[in-house]
């Protein structure tokens, strides 16, 4: 009987330790600076790896790919902006917003509400039937893992387009 109780305790302890490994990723886990790293073989990745900016290898870091997730749904990301002097444009850091759904793991990053307001106003005048949301979605992806300072994601949006 003691042997059976001992075996039961071992299985119970193993179950608790396995359950602890399936920890959900919270919004607080995502706070901080992340940089996309390219893979070494040059092939398109199945899953993208973002590393914390402090631990990222500068040789593998994709240029202008930093995302900084901040509190109160604020974020910073780099975007190429049109310039009349420099073609095609210059890279700027924008302050946008973001949201995270812990159940699905989806992260949505939005441009600032006033981003390129004159451009979108003119486009709306030329195409009145076009629906352009404000703020506009920049990027959407699913977080599939977070281990040792690496954020593993699956991109769910390709090119953001708006329908009529």
C-alpha atoms as a PDB file:
ATOM      1  CA  UNK A   1       0.000   0.000   0.000  1.00  0.00           C
ATOM      2  CA  UNK A   2       2.862   2.366   0.829  1.00  0.00           C
ATOM      3  CA  UNK A   3       4.432   1.561  -2.518  1.00  0.00           C
ATOM      4  CA  UNK A   4       1.189   2.440  -4.348  1.00  0.00           C
ATOM      5  CA  UNK A   5       0.932   5.750  -2.464  1.00  0.00           C
ATOM      6  CA  UNK A   6       4.566   6.546  -3.324  1.00  0.00           C
ATOM      7  CA  UNK A   7       3.970   5.878  -7.045  1.00  0.00           C
ATOM      8  CA  UNK A   8       0.831   8.033  -6.906  1.00  0.00           C
ATOM      9  CA  UNK A   9       2.842  10.914  -5.396  1.00  0.00           C
ATOM     10  CA  UNK A  10       5.466  10.618  -8.147  1.00  0.00           C
ATOM     11  CA  UNK A  11       2.797  10.835 -10.866  1.00  0.00           C
ATOM     12  CA  UNK A  12       1.138  13.745  -9.082  1.00  0.00           C
ATOM     13  CA  UNK A  13       4.440  15.665  -8.877  1.00  0.00           C
ATOM     14  CA  UNK A  14       5.208  14.942 -12.538  1.00  0.00           C
ATOM     15  CA  UNK A  15       1.762  16.203 -13.519  1.00  0.00           C
ATOM     16  CA  UNK A  16       2.226  19.474 -11.650  1.00  0.00           C
ATOM     17  CA  UNK A  17       5.644  20.091 -13.191  1.00  0.00           C
ATOM     18  CA  UNK A  18       4.345  19.364 -16.706  1.00  0.00           C
ATOM     19  CA  UNK A  19       1.388  21.678 -16.123  1.00  0.00           C
ATOM     20  CA  UNK A  20       3.741  24.501 -15.121  1.00  0.00           C
ATOM     21  CA  UNK A  21       5.552  24.239 -18.461  1.00  0.00           C
ATOM     22  CA  UNK A  22       2.390  25.166 -20.400  1.00  0.00           C
ATOM     23  CA  UNK A  23       2.416  28.677 -18.961  1.00  0.00           C
ATOM     24  CA  UNK A  24       0.483  31.162 -21.056  1.00  0.00           C
ATOM     25  CA  UNK A  25       2.300  34.205 -22.372  1.00  0.00           C
ATOM     26  CA  UNK A  26       0.970  37.397 -20.810  1.00  0.00           C
ATOM     27  CA  UNK A  27       1.030  40.962 -22.077  1.00  0.00           C
ATOM     28  CA  UNK A  28       3.702  41.762 -19.493  1.00  0.00           C
ATOM     29  CA  UNK A  29       5.981  39.081 -20.993  1.00  0.00           C
ATOM     30  CA  UNK A  30       5.974  41.023 -24.283  1.00  0.00           C
ATOM     31  CA  UNK A  31       6.977  44.392 -22.809  1.00  0.00           C
ATOM     32  CA  UNK A  32      10.354  45.613 -23.990  1.00  0.00           C
ATOM     33  CA  UNK A  33      12.366  45.937 -27.180  1.00  0.00           C
ATOM     34  CA  UNK A  34      12.410  43.143 -29.799  1.00  0.00           C
ATOM     35  CA  UNK A  35      14.462  42.810 -33.006  1.00  0.00           C
ATOM     36  CA  UNK A  36      13.749  40.420 -35.881  1.00  0.00           C
ATOM     37  CA  UNK A  37      16.639  38.100 -36.680  1.00  0.00           C
ATOM     38  CA  UNK A  38      17.146  36.515 -40.077  1.00  0.00           C
ATOM     39  CA  UNK A  39      17.932  32.839 -40.279  1.00  0.00           C
ATOM     40  CA  UNK A  40      21.407  31.828 -41.350  1.00  0.00           C
ATOM     41  CA  UNK A  41      20.390  29.685 -44.351  1.00  0.00           C
ATOM     42  CA  UNK A  42      18.699  32.533 -46.231  1.00  0.00           C
ATOM     43  CA  UNK A  43      15.418  30.633 -46.723  1.00  0.00           C
ATOM     44  CA  UNK A  44      12.064  32.177 -45.745  1.00  0.00           C
ATOM     45  CA  UNK A  45      11.348  31.106 -42.164  1.00  0.00           C
ATOM     46  CA  UNK A  46       8.359  29.020 -41.086  1.00  0.00           C
ATOM     47  CA  UNK A  47       8.309  30.968 -37.839  1.00  0.00           C
ATOM     48  CA  UNK A  48       9.951  34.314 -37.249  1.00  0.00           C
ATOM     49  CA  UNK A  49      12.260  34.850 -34.296  1.00  0.00           C
ATOM     50  CA  UNK A  50      12.400  38.183 -32.507  1.00  0.00           C
ATOM     51  CA  UNK A  51      15.119  38.494 -29.878  1.00  0.00           C
ATOM     52  CA  UNK A  52      15.312  41.017 -27.105  1.00  0.00           C
ATOM     53  CA  UNK A  53      17.302  44.017 -28.350  1.00  0.00           C
ATOM     54  CA  UNK A  54      19.926  43.490 -25.651  1.00  0.00           C
ATOM     55  CA  UNK A  55      20.602  39.880 -26.720  1.00  0.00           C
ATOM     56  CA  UNK A  56      20.212  40.237 -30.487  1.00  0.00           C
ATOM     57  CA  UNK A  57      23.198  39.447 -32.730  1.00  0.00           C
ATOM     58  CA  UNK A  58      23.806  42.567 -34.819  1.00  0.00           C
ATOM     59  CA  UNK A  59      24.987  40.430 -37.772  1.00  0.00           C
ATOM     60  CA  UNK A  60      21.655  38.572 -37.919  1.00  0.00           C
ATOM     61  CA  UNK A  61      19.370  41.484 -36.987  1.00  0.00           C
ATOM     62  CA  UNK A  62      17.090  42.651 -39.790  1.00  0.00           C
ATOM     63  CA  UNK A  63      17.630  46.373 -40.296  1.00  0.00           C
ATOM     64  CA  UNK A  64      14.866  48.663 -38.990  1.00  0.00           C
ATOM     65  CA  UNK A  65      12.851  45.787 -37.519  1.00  0.00           C
ATOM     66  CA  UNK A  66      12.750  46.898 -33.884  1.00  0.00           C
ATOM     67  CA  UNK A  67       9.437  46.884 -32.065  1.00  0.00           C
ATOM     68  CA  UNK A  68       9.158  48.236 -28.540  1.00  0.00           C
ATOM     69  CA  UNK A  69       6.038  47.154 -26.629  1.00  0.00           C
ATOM     70  CA  UNK A  70       5.214  49.625 -23.864  1.00  0.00           C
ATOM     71  CA  UNK A  71       2.589  49.867 -21.134  1.00  0.00           C
ATOM     72  CA  UNK A  72      -0.860  51.362 -21.708  1.00  0.00           C
ATOM     73  CA  UNK A  73      -1.100  49.835 -25.219  1.00  0.00           C
ATOM     74  CA  UNK A  74       1.671  52.074 -26.578  1.00  0.00           C
ATOM     75  CA  UNK A  75       4.418  50.853 -28.890  1.00  0.00           C
ATOM     76  CA  UNK A  76       7.241  52.150 -31.054  1.00  0.00           C
ATOM     77  CA  UNK A  77       8.250  50.760 -34.426  1.00  0.00           C
ATOM     78  CA  UNK A  78      10.263  51.872 -37.417  1.00  0.00           C
ATOM     79  CA  UNK A  79       8.614  52.729 -40.719  1.00  0.00           C
ATOM     80  CA  UNK A  80       9.799  54.155 -44.004  1.00  0.00           C
ATOM     81  CA  UNK A  81       8.073  57.463 -44.654  1.00  0.00           C
ATOM     82  CA  UNK A  82       7.790  59.235 -47.997  1.00  0.00           C
ATOM     83  CA  UNK A  83      10.231  62.054 -48.589  1.00  0.00           C
ATOM     84  CA  UNK A  84      10.408  64.549 -51.426  1.00  0.00           C
ATOM     85  CA  UNK A  85      14.153  64.907 -50.961  1.00  0.00           C
ATOM     86  CA  UNK A  86      15.240  61.299 -50.508  1.00  0.00           C
ATOM     87  CA  UNK A  87      13.808  58.581 -52.710  1.00  0.00           C
ATOM     88  CA  UNK A  88      11.978  56.377 -51.716  1.00  0.00           C
ATOM     89  CA  UNK A  89      11.920  57.732 -48.157  1.00  0.00           C
ATOM     90  CA  UNK A  90      13.513  57.850 -44.738  1.00  0.00           C
ATOM     91  CA  UNK A  91      13.137  55.557 -41.732  1.00  0.00           C
ATOM     92  CA  UNK A  92      11.397  57.083 -38.737  1.00  0.00           C
ATOM     93  CA  UNK A  93      10.386  55.732 -35.360  1.00  0.00           C
ATOM     94  CA  UNK A  94       6.622  55.990 -34.948  1.00  0.00           C
ATOM     95  CA  UNK A  95       4.592  55.778 -31.767  1.00  0.00           C
ATOM     96  CA  UNK A  96       1.587  53.569 -32.349  1.00  0.00           C
ATOM     97  CA  UNK A  97      -0.677  51.352 -30.308  1.00  0.00           C
ATOM     98  CA  UNK A  98      -0.888  47.597 -29.856  1.00  0.00           C
ATOM     99  CA  UNK A  99      -3.160  44.946 -28.422  1.00  0.00           C
ATOM    100  CA  UNK A 100      -2.598  41.368 -27.290  1.00  0.00           C
ATOM    101  CA  UNK A 101      -5.121  38.569 -26.834  1.00  0.00           C
ATOM    102  CA  UNK A 102      -3.734  36.026 -24.358  1.00  0.00           C
ATOM    103  CA  UNK A 103      -6.182  33.306 -25.449  1.00  0.00           C
ATOM    104  CA  UNK A 104      -5.371  33.350 -29.173  1.00  0.00           C
ATOM    105  CA  UNK A 105      -1.848  34.800 -28.875  1.00  0.00           C
ATOM    106  CA  UNK A 106      -2.656  37.471 -31.492  1.00  0.00           C
ATOM    107  CA  UNK A 107      -0.768  40.765 -31.451  1.00  0.00           C
ATOM    108  CA  UNK A 108      -2.028  43.707 -33.514  1.00  0.00           C
ATOM    109  CA  UNK A 109       0.120  46.789 -34.078  1.00  0.00           C
ATOM    110  CA  UNK A 110      -1.508  49.996 -35.316  1.00  0.00           C
ATOM    111  CA  UNK A 111      -0.154  53.172 -36.890  1.00  0.00           C
ATOM    112  CA  UNK A 112      -0.776  56.453 -35.031  1.00  0.00           C
ATOM    113  CA  UNK A 113      -4.242  57.860 -35.766  1.00  0.00           C
ATOM    114  CA  UNK A 114      -2.838  60.956 -37.481  1.00  0.00           C
ATOM    115  CA  UNK A 115      -0.224  59.097 -39.561  1.00  0.00           C
ATOM    116  CA  UNK A 116      -0.082  60.519 -43.117  1.00  0.00           C
ATOM    117  CA  UNK A 117      -3.504  62.109 -42.619  1.00  0.00           C
ATOM    118  CA  UNK A 118      -3.231  64.311 -45.732  1.00  0.00           C
ATOM    119  CA  UNK A 119      -2.366  61.327 -47.949  1.00  0.00           C
ATOM    120  CA  UNK A 120      -5.349  59.288 -46.697  1.00  0.00           C
ATOM    121  CA  UNK A 121      -7.666  62.280 -46.992  1.00  0.00           C
ATOM    122  CA  UNK A 122      -6.689  62.776 -50.643  1.00  0.00           C
ATOM    123  CA  UNK A 123      -7.030  59.046 -51.360  1.00  0.00           C
ATOM    124  CA  UNK A 124     -10.514  59.051 -49.804  1.00  0.00           C
ATOM    125  CA  UNK A 125     -11.512  62.012 -52.017  1.00  0.00           C
ATOM    126  CA  UNK A 126     -10.309  60.179 -55.140  1.00  0.00           C
ATOM    127  CA  UNK A 127     -11.951  56.884 -54.102  1.00  0.00           C
ATOM    128  CA  UNK A 128     -15.006  57.681 -51.957  1.00  0.00           C
ATOM    129  CA  UNK A 129     -16.150  54.033 -51.833  1.00  0.00           C
ATOM    130  CA  UNK A 130     -12.861  52.897 -50.266  1.00  0.00           C
ATOM    131  CA  UNK A 131     -13.116  51.989 -46.570  1.00  0.00           C
ATOM    132  CA  UNK A 132      -9.982  53.089 -44.708  1.00  0.00           C
ATOM    133  CA  UNK A 133     -10.005  52.344 -40.974  1.00  0.00           C
ATOM    134  CA  UNK A 134      -8.397  54.721 -38.513  1.00  0.00           C
ATOM    135  CA  UNK A 135      -6.100  53.789 -36.862  1.00  0.00           C
ATOM    136  CA  UNK A 136      -4.792  51.507 -39.584  1.00  0.00           C
ATOM    137  CA  UNK A 137      -3.367  48.060 -38.895  1.00  0.00           C
ATOM    138  CA  UNK A 138       0.367  47.799 -39.545  1.00  0.00           C
ATOM    139  CA  UNK A 139       1.091  44.233 -38.529  1.00  0.00           C
ATOM    140  CA  UNK A 140      -0.688  41.245 -37.037  1.00  0.00           C
ATOM    141  CA  UNK A 141       0.960  38.061 -35.814  1.00  0.00           C
ATOM    142  CA  UNK A 142       0.482  35.129 -33.451  1.00  0.00           C
ATOM    143  CA  UNK A 143       2.922  34.543 -30.603  1.00  0.00           C
ATOM    144  CA  UNK A 144       3.683  30.818 -30.516  1.00  0.00           C
ATOM    145  CA  UNK A 145       6.548  30.761 -28.029  1.00  0.00           C
ATOM    146  CA  UNK A 146       8.680  32.767 -25.655  1.00  0.00           C
ATOM    147  CA  UNK A 147      11.872  31.106 -24.414  1.00  0.00           C
ATOM    148  CA  UNK A 148      15.269  32.430 -23.324  1.00  0.00           C
ATOM    149  CA  UNK A 149      14.753  35.960 -24.660  1.00  0.00           C
ATOM    150  CA  UNK A 150      13.370  34.721 -28.000  1.00  0.00           C
ATOM    151  CA  UNK A 151       9.877  35.584 -29.177  1.00  0.00           C
ATOM    152  CA  UNK A 152       8.663  33.069 -31.766  1.00  0.00           C
ATOM    153  CA  UNK A 153       5.848  34.324 -34.016  1.00  0.00           C
ATOM    154  CA  UNK A 154       3.783  33.313 -37.032  1.00  0.00           C
ATOM    155  CA  UNK A 155       2.873  36.250 -39.239  1.00  0.00           C
ATOM    156  CA  UNK A 156      -0.838  36.337 -40.032  1.00  0.00           C
ATOM    157  CA  UNK A 157      -0.913  39.385 -42.319  1.00  0.00           C
ATOM    158  CA  UNK A 158       0.992  39.756 -45.553  1.00  0.00           C
ATOM    159  CA  UNK A 159       0.240  43.064 -47.184  1.00  0.00           C
ATOM    160  CA  UNK A 160      -2.365  45.293 -45.596  1.00  0.00           C
ATOM    161  CA  UNK A 161      -5.027  46.146 -48.166  1.00  0.00           C
ATOM    162  CA  UNK A 162      -8.387  47.831 -47.891  1.00  0.00           C
ATOM    163  CA  UNK A 163     -11.491  46.707 -49.706  1.00  0.00           C
ATOM    164  CA  UNK A 164     -14.243  48.652 -51.383  1.00  0.00           C
END
